[in-house]
Amino acid sequence: MKKIVERINLPCTGFFTREMRERGRRVGFSIVTLDGRQGVMAHVDIRSRYRVGEYGVKVQNIDRIAVPSM
């Protein structure tokens, strides 16, 4: 994604998600902004009332990292 944005050569903002894996098993997702900020978005070890399937969602990271990048 970052390589594509660099090739476009126009101002771009936003974020994408990346799988987090441990011992070959997906355990969560990280947020990565196009300007390089990142943090955990959801993980099996996060205790949260907000869940997507087996993953607890770290809402504060979405608010702090993803939302400002849009």
PDB file of N, CA and C in Angstrom:
ATOM      1  N   MET A   1       0.826  -1.181   0.000  1.00  0.00           N
ATOM      2  CA  MET A   1       0.000   0.000   0.000  1.00  0.00           C
ATOM      3  C   MET A   1       0.873   1.248   0.000  1.00  0.00           C
ATOM      4  N   LYS A   2       1.858   1.277   0.877  1.00  0.00           N
ATOM      5  CA  LYS A   2       2.712   2.455   0.988  1.00  0.00           C
ATOM      6  C   LYS A   2       3.465   2.718  -0.317  1.00  0.00           C
ATOM      7  N   LYS A   3       3.901   1.672  -0.993  1.00  0.00           N
ATOM      8  CA  LYS A   3       4.608   1.833  -2.270  1.00  0.00           C
ATOM      9  C   LYS A   3       3.691   2.442  -3.332  1.00  0.00           C
ATOM     10  N   ILE A   4       2.442   2.025  -3.347  1.00  0.00           N
ATOM     11  CA  ILE A   4       1.481   2.575  -4.309  1.00  0.00           C
ATOM     12  C   ILE A   4       1.282   4.061  -4.051  1.00  0.00           C
ATOM     13  N   VAL A   5       1.106   4.432  -2.792  1.00  0.00           N
ATOM     14  CA  VAL A   5       0.916   5.838  -2.433  1.00  0.00           C
ATOM     15  C   VAL A   5       2.128   6.660  -2.859  1.00  0.00           C
ATOM     16  N   GLU A   6       3.322   6.130  -2.648  1.00  0.00           N
ATOM     17  CA  GLU A   6       4.538   6.846  -3.051  1.00  0.00           C
ATOM     18  C   GLU A   6       4.591   7.036  -4.565  1.00  0.00           C
ATOM     19  N   ARG A   7       4.144   6.061  -5.316  1.00  0.00           N
ATOM     20  CA  ARG A   7       4.166   6.158  -6.783  1.00  0.00           C
ATOM     21  C   ARG A   7       3.148   7.161  -7.314  1.00  0.00           C
ATOM     22  N   ILE A   8       2.022   7.306  -6.629  1.00  0.00           N
ATOM     23  CA  ILE A   8       0.985   8.244  -7.064  1.00  0.00           C
ATOM     24  C   ILE A   8       1.525   9.673  -7.054  1.00  0.00           C
ATOM     25  N   ASN A   9       2.384   9.962  -6.087  1.00  0.00           N
ATOM     26  CA  ASN A   9       3.013  11.276  -5.967  1.00  0.00           C
ATOM     27  C   ASN A   9       1.993  12.399  -5.771  1.00  0.00           C
ATOM     28  N   LEU A  10       0.944  12.108  -5.027  1.00  0.00           N
ATOM     29  CA  LEU A  10      -0.064  13.089  -4.627  1.00  0.00           C
ATOM     30  C   LEU A  10      -0.261  12.956  -3.126  1.00  0.00           C
ATOM     31  N   PRO A  11      -0.714  14.010  -2.472  1.00  0.00           N
ATOM     32  CA  PRO A  11      -0.962  13.897  -1.032  1.00  0.00           C
ATOM     33  C   PRO A  11      -2.033  12.835  -0.752  1.00  0.00           C
ATOM     34  N   CYS A  12      -1.745  11.932   0.152  1.00  0.00           N
ATOM     35  CA  CYS A  12      -2.685  10.876   0.526  1.00  0.00           C
ATOM     36  C   CYS A  12      -2.720  10.751   2.044  1.00  0.00           C
ATOM     37  N   THR A  13      -3.886  10.455   2.554  1.00  0.00           N
ATOM     38  CA  THR A  13      -4.043  10.184   3.982  1.00  0.00           C
ATOM     39  C   THR A  13      -4.847   8.906   4.126  1.00  0.00           C
ATOM     40  N   GLY A  14      -4.845   8.358   5.322  1.00  0.00           N
ATOM     41  CA  GLY A  14      -5.633   7.172   5.584  1.00  0.00           C
ATOM     42  C   GLY A  14      -4.848   6.133   6.356  1.00  0.00           C
ATOM     43  N   PHE A  15      -5.412   4.940   6.422  1.00  0.00           N
ATOM     44  CA  PHE A  15      -4.776   3.850   7.156  1.00  0.00           C
ATOM     45  C   PHE A  15      -5.163   2.530   6.517  1.00  0.00           C
ATOM     46  N   PHE A  16      -4.430   1.500   6.898  1.00  0.00           N
ATOM     47  CA  PHE A  16      -4.785   0.137   6.526  1.00  0.00           C
ATOM     48  C   PHE A  16      -4.542  -0.735   7.743  1.00  0.00           C
ATOM     49  N   THR A  17      -5.004  -1.976   7.678  1.00  0.00           N
ATOM     50  CA  THR A  17      -4.784  -2.903   8.786  1.00  0.00           C
ATOM     51  C   THR A  17      -3.827  -3.993   8.337  1.00  0.00           C
ATOM     52  N   ARG A  18      -3.147  -4.539   9.317  1.00  0.00           N
ATOM     53  CA  ARG A  18      -2.171  -5.601   9.053  1.00  0.00           C
ATOM     54  C   ARG A  18      -2.422  -6.722  10.063  1.00  0.00           C
ATOM     55  N   GLU A  19      -2.371  -7.961   9.581  1.00  0.00           N
ATOM     56  CA  GLU A  19      -2.522  -9.107  10.480  1.00  0.00           C
ATOM     57  C   GLU A  19      -1.375  -9.165  11.477  1.00  0.00           C
ATOM     58  N   MET A  20      -1.699  -9.569  12.689  1.00  0.00           N
ATOM     59  CA  MET A  20      -0.682  -9.859  13.701  1.00  0.00           C
ATOM     60  C   MET A  20      -0.704 -11.374  13.892  1.00  0.00           C
ATOM     61  N   ARG A  21       0.460 -12.001  13.786  1.00  0.00           N
ATOM     62  CA  ARG A  21       0.546 -13.459  13.906  1.00  0.00           C
ATOM     63  C   ARG A  21       1.565 -13.855  14.957  1.00  0.00           C
ATOM     64  N   GLU A  22       1.235 -14.905  15.666  1.00  0.00           N
ATOM     65  CA  GLU A  22       2.154 -15.510  16.634  1.00  0.00           C
ATOM     66  C   GLU A  22       2.127 -17.014  16.401  1.00  0.00           C
ATOM     67  N   ARG A  23       3.304 -17.583  16.190  1.00  0.00           N
ATOM     68  CA  ARG A  23       3.436 -19.022  15.930  1.00  0.00           C
ATOM     69  C   ARG A  23       2.489 -19.507  14.834  1.00  0.00           C
ATOM     70  N   GLY A  24       2.367 -18.714  13.767  1.00  0.00           N
ATOM     71  CA  GLY A  24       1.550 -19.098  12.628  1.00  0.00           C
ATOM     72  C   GLY A  24       0.061 -18.883  12.784  1.00  0.00           C
ATOM     73  N   ARG A  25      -0.366 -18.363  13.919  1.00  0.00           N
ATOM     74  CA  ARG A  25      -1.791 -18.161  14.190  1.00  0.00           C
ATOM     75  C   ARG A  25      -2.097 -16.671  14.226  1.00  0.00           C
ATOM     76  N   ARG A  26      -3.185 -16.268  13.560  1.00  0.00           N
ATOM     77  CA  ARG A  26      -3.588 -14.866  13.615  1.00  0.00           C
ATOM     78  C   ARG A  26      -4.138 -14.557  15.003  1.00  0.00           C
ATOM     79  N   VAL A  27      -3.575 -13.530  15.632  1.00  0.00           N
ATOM     80  CA  VAL A  27      -3.994 -13.167  16.985  1.00  0.00           C
ATOM     81  C   VAL A  27      -4.582 -11.764  17.055  1.00  0.00           C
ATOM     82  N   GLY A  28      -4.521 -11.031  15.944  1.00  0.00           N
ATOM     83  CA  GLY A  28      -5.078  -9.693  15.970  1.00  0.00           C
ATOM     84  C   GLY A  28      -4.768  -8.907  14.718  1.00  0.00           C
ATOM     85  N   PHE A  29      -5.035  -7.601  14.823  1.00  0.00           N
ATOM     86  CA  PHE A  29      -4.813  -6.689  13.706  1.00  0.00           C
ATOM     87  C   PHE A  29      -4.224  -5.390  14.231  1.00  0.00           C
ATOM     88  N   SER A  30      -3.290  -4.843  13.469  1.00  0.00           N
ATOM     89  CA  SER A  30      -2.746  -3.532  13.817  1.00  0.00           C
ATOM     90  C   SER A  30      -3.256  -2.501  12.816  1.00  0.00           C
ATOM     91  N   ILE A  31      -3.271  -1.244  13.258  1.00  0.00           N
ATOM     92  CA  ILE A  31      -3.603  -0.099  12.409  1.00  0.00           C
ATOM     93  C   ILE A  31      -2.273   0.490  11.960  1.00  0.00           C
ATOM     94  N   VAL A  32      -2.152   0.806  10.683  1.00  0.00           N
ATOM     95  CA  VAL A  32      -0.957   1.471  10.169  1.00  0.00           C
ATOM     96  C   VAL A  32      -1.425   2.646   9.315  1.00  0.00           C
ATOM     97  N   THR A  33      -1.025   3.864   9.688  1.00  0.00           N
ATOM     98  CA  THR A  33      -1.407   5.028   8.894  1.00  0.00           C
ATOM     99  C   THR A  33      -0.415   5.219   7.755  1.00  0.00           C
ATOM    100  N   LEU A  34      -0.828   5.945   6.753  1.00  0.00           N
ATOM    101  CA  LEU A  34       0.048   6.182   5.610  1.00  0.00           C
ATOM    102  C   LEU A  34       1.244   7.050   5.972  1.00  0.00           C
ATOM    103  N   ASP A  35       1.157   7.767   7.106  1.00  0.00           N
ATOM    104  CA  ASP A  35       2.328   8.539   7.549  1.00  0.00           C
ATOM    105  C   ASP A  35       3.168   7.780   8.573  1.00  0.00           C
ATOM    106  N   GLY A  36       2.847   6.480   8.785  1.00  0.00           N
ATOM    107  CA  GLY A  36       3.716   5.617   9.582  1.00  0.00           C
ATOM    108  C   GLY A  36       3.339   5.382  11.029  1.00  0.00           C
ATOM    109  N   ARG A  37       2.284   6.027  11.523  1.00  0.00           N
ATOM    110  CA  ARG A  37       1.880   5.745  12.909  1.00  0.00           C
ATOM    111  C   ARG A  37       1.197   4.384  12.948  1.00  0.00           C
ATOM    112  N   GLN A  38       1.333   3.686  14.083  1.00  0.00           N
ATOM    113  CA  GLN A  38       0.695   2.381  14.187  1.00  0.00           C
ATOM    114  C   GLN A  38       0.360   2.028  15.619  1.00  0.00           C
ATOM    115  N   GLY A  39      -0.533   1.074  15.753  1.00  0.00           N
ATOM    116  CA  GLY A  39      -0.942   0.583  17.059  1.00  0.00           C
ATOM    117  C   GLY A  39      -1.838  -0.627  16.886  1.00  0.00           C
ATOM    118  N   VAL A  40      -2.103  -1.305  17.981  1.00  0.00           N
ATOM    119  CA  VAL A  40      -2.967  -2.491  17.964  1.00  0.00           C
ATOM    120  C   VAL A  40      -4.420  -2.037  17.847  1.00  0.00           C
ATOM    121  N   MET A  41      -5.148  -2.627  16.906  1.00  0.00           N
ATOM    122  CA  MET A  41      -6.566  -2.323  16.751  1.00  0.00           C
ATOM    123  C   MET A  41      -7.428  -3.369  17.453  1.00  0.00           C
ATOM    124  N   ALA A  42      -7.058  -4.638  17.301  1.00  0.00           N
ATOM    125  CA  ALA A  42      -7.831  -5.725  17.906  1.00  0.00           C
ATOM    126  C   ALA A  42      -6.891  -6.896  18.165  1.00  0.00           C
ATOM    127  N   HIS A  43      -7.156  -7.609  19.264  1.00  0.00           N
ATOM    128  CA  HIS A  43      -6.270  -8.720  19.630  1.00  0.00           C
ATOM    129  C   HIS A  43      -7.055  -9.697  20.492  1.00  0.00           C
ATOM    130  N   VAL A  44      -6.684 -10.970  20.414  1.00  0.00           N
ATOM    131  CA  VAL A  44      -7.374 -11.990  21.210  1.00  0.00           C
ATOM    132  C   VAL A  44      -7.177 -11.772  22.708  1.00  0.00           C
ATOM    133  N   ASP A  45      -6.091 -11.131  23.115  1.00  0.00           N
ATOM    134  CA  ASP A  45      -5.817 -10.918  24.538  1.00  0.00           C
ATOM    135  C   ASP A  45      -6.400  -9.619  25.096  1.00  0.00           C
ATOM    136  N   ILE A  46      -7.023  -8.805  24.257  1.00  0.00           N
ATOM    137  CA  ILE A  46      -7.610  -7.547  24.737  1.00  0.00           C
ATOM    138  C   ILE A  46      -8.976  -7.832  25.332  1.00  0.00           C
ATOM    139  N   ARG A  47      -9.158  -7.359  26.542  1.00  0.00           N
ATOM    140  CA  ARG A  47     -10.474  -7.455  27.180  1.00  0.00           C
ATOM    141  C   ARG A  47     -11.203  -6.147  26.903  1.00  0.00           C
ATOM    142  N   SER A  48     -12.310  -6.254  26.215  1.00  0.00           N
ATOM    143  CA  SER A  48     -13.067  -5.074  25.828  1.00  0.00           C
ATOM    144  C   SER A  48     -14.519  -5.464  25.645  1.00  0.00           C
ATOM    145  N   ARG A  49     -15.409  -4.548  25.930  1.00  0.00           N
ATOM    146  CA  ARG A  49     -16.818  -4.843  25.663  1.00  0.00           C
ATOM    147  C   ARG A  49     -17.095  -4.776  24.165  1.00  0.00           C
ATOM    148  N   TYR A  50     -16.158  -4.178  23.419  1.00  0.00           N
ATOM    149  CA  TYR A  50     -16.270  -4.106  21.965  1.00  0.00           C
ATOM    150  C   TYR A  50     -15.474  -5.257  21.363  1.00  0.00           C
ATOM    151  N   ARG A  51     -16.174  -6.128  20.637  1.00  0.00           N
ATOM    152  CA  ARG A  51     -15.529  -7.324  20.104  1.00  0.00           C
ATOM    153  C   ARG A  51     -15.940  -7.533  18.657  1.00  0.00           C
ATOM    154  N   VAL A  52     -15.031  -8.105  17.907  1.00  0.00           N
ATOM    155  CA  VAL A  52     -15.316  -8.580  16.556  1.00  0.00           C
ATOM    156  C   VAL A  52     -14.851 -10.025  16.548  1.00  0.00           C
ATOM    157  N   GLY A  53     -15.812 -10.929  16.591  1.00  0.00           N
ATOM    158  CA  GLY A  53     -15.469 -12.343  16.698  1.00  0.00           C
ATOM    159  C   GLY A  53     -14.693 -12.593  17.975  1.00  0.00           C
ATOM    160  N   GLU A  54     -13.528 -13.195  17.852  1.00  0.00           N
ATOM    161  CA  GLU A  54     -12.718 -13.528  19.028  1.00  0.00           C
ATOM    162  C   GLU A  54     -11.804 -12.391  19.481  1.00  0.00           C
ATOM    163  N   TYR A  55     -11.842 -11.260  18.780  1.00  0.00           N
ATOM    164  CA  TYR A  55     -10.898 -10.173  19.043  1.00  0.00           C
ATOM    165  C   TYR A  55     -11.534  -9.055  19.860  1.00  0.00           C
ATOM    166  N   GLY A  56     -10.844  -8.667  20.929  1.00  0.00           N
ATOM    167  CA  GLY A  56     -11.236  -7.478  21.661  1.00  0.00           C
ATOM    168  C   GLY A  56     -10.695  -6.262  20.927  1.00  0.00           C
ATOM    169  N   VAL A  57     -11.513  -5.216  20.818  1.00  0.00           N
ATOM    170  CA  VAL A  57     -11.139  -4.028  20.050  1.00  0.00           C
ATOM    171  C   VAL A  57     -10.626  -2.936  20.978  1.00  0.00           C
ATOM    172  N   LYS A  58      -9.505  -2.351  20.618  1.00  0.00           N
ATOM    173  CA  LYS A  58      -8.906  -1.254  21.380  1.00  0.00           C
ATOM    174  C   LYS A  58      -9.395   0.060  20.765  1.00  0.00           C
ATOM    175  N   VAL A  59     -10.581   0.485  21.191  1.00  0.00           N
ATOM    176  CA  VAL A  59     -11.259   1.645  20.617  1.00  0.00           C
ATOM    177  C   VAL A  59     -10.405   2.898  20.715  1.00  0.00           C
ATOM    178  N   GLN A  60      -9.675   3.063  21.819  1.00  0.00           N
ATOM    179  CA  GLN A  60      -8.866   4.275  21.968  1.00  0.00           C
ATOM    180  C   GLN A  60      -7.800   4.383  20.880  1.00  0.00           C
ATOM    181  N   ASN A  61      -7.271   3.267  20.385  1.00  0.00           N
ATOM    182  CA  ASN A  61      -6.294   3.328  19.291  1.00  0.00           C
ATOM    183  C   ASN A  61      -6.958   3.695  17.966  1.00  0.00           C
ATOM    184  N   ILE A  62      -8.181   3.247  17.775  1.00  0.00           N
ATOM    185  CA  ILE A  62      -8.914   3.658  16.574  1.00  0.00           C
ATOM    186  C   ILE A  62      -9.137   5.167  16.621  1.00  0.00           C
ATOM    187  N   ASP A  63      -9.580   5.664  17.786  1.00  0.00           N
ATOM    188  CA  ASP A  63      -9.822   7.106  17.945  1.00  0.00           C
ATOM    189  C   ASP A  63      -8.544   7.924  17.828  1.00  0.00           C
ATOM    190  N   ARG A  64      -7.448   7.421  18.364  1.00  0.00           N
ATOM    191  CA  ARG A  64      -6.193   8.176  18.438  1.00  0.00           C
ATOM    192  C   ARG A  64      -5.363   8.084  17.156  1.00  0.00           C
ATOM    193  N   ILE A  65      -5.464   6.950  16.446  1.00  0.00           N
ATOM    194  CA  ILE A  65      -4.596   6.723  15.287  1.00  0.00           C
ATOM    195  C   ILE A  65      -5.382   6.743  13.969  1.00  0.00           C
ATOM    196  N   ALA A  66      -6.415   5.912  13.869  1.00  0.00           N
ATOM    197  CA  ALA A  66      -7.116   5.762  12.587  1.00  0.00           C
ATOM    198  C   ALA A  66      -7.961   6.986  12.230  1.00  0.00           C
ATOM    199  N   VAL A  67      -8.792   7.435  13.160  1.00  0.00           N
ATOM    200  CA  VAL A  67      -9.720   8.534  12.853  1.00  0.00           C
ATOM    201  C   VAL A  67      -9.002   9.798  12.393  1.00  0.00           C
ATOM    202  N   PRO A  68      -7.951  10.268  13.094  1.00  0.00           N
ATOM    203  CA  PRO A  68      -7.277  11.484  12.617  1.00  0.00           C
ATOM    204  C   PRO A  68      -6.623  11.332  11.242  1.00  0.00           C
ATOM    205  N   SER A  69      -6.364  10.107  10.812  1.00  0.00           N
ATOM    206  CA  SER A  69      -5.705   9.907   9.521  1.00  0.00           C
ATOM    207  C   SER A  69      -6.682   9.957   8.346  1.00  0.00           C
ATOM    208  N   MET A  70      -7.984  10.011   8.647  1.00  0.00           N
ATOM    209  CA  MET A  70      -8.975  10.022   7.559  1.00  0.00           C
ATOM    210  C   MET A  70      -9.289  11.425   7.105  1.00  0.00           C
TER     211      MET A  70
END
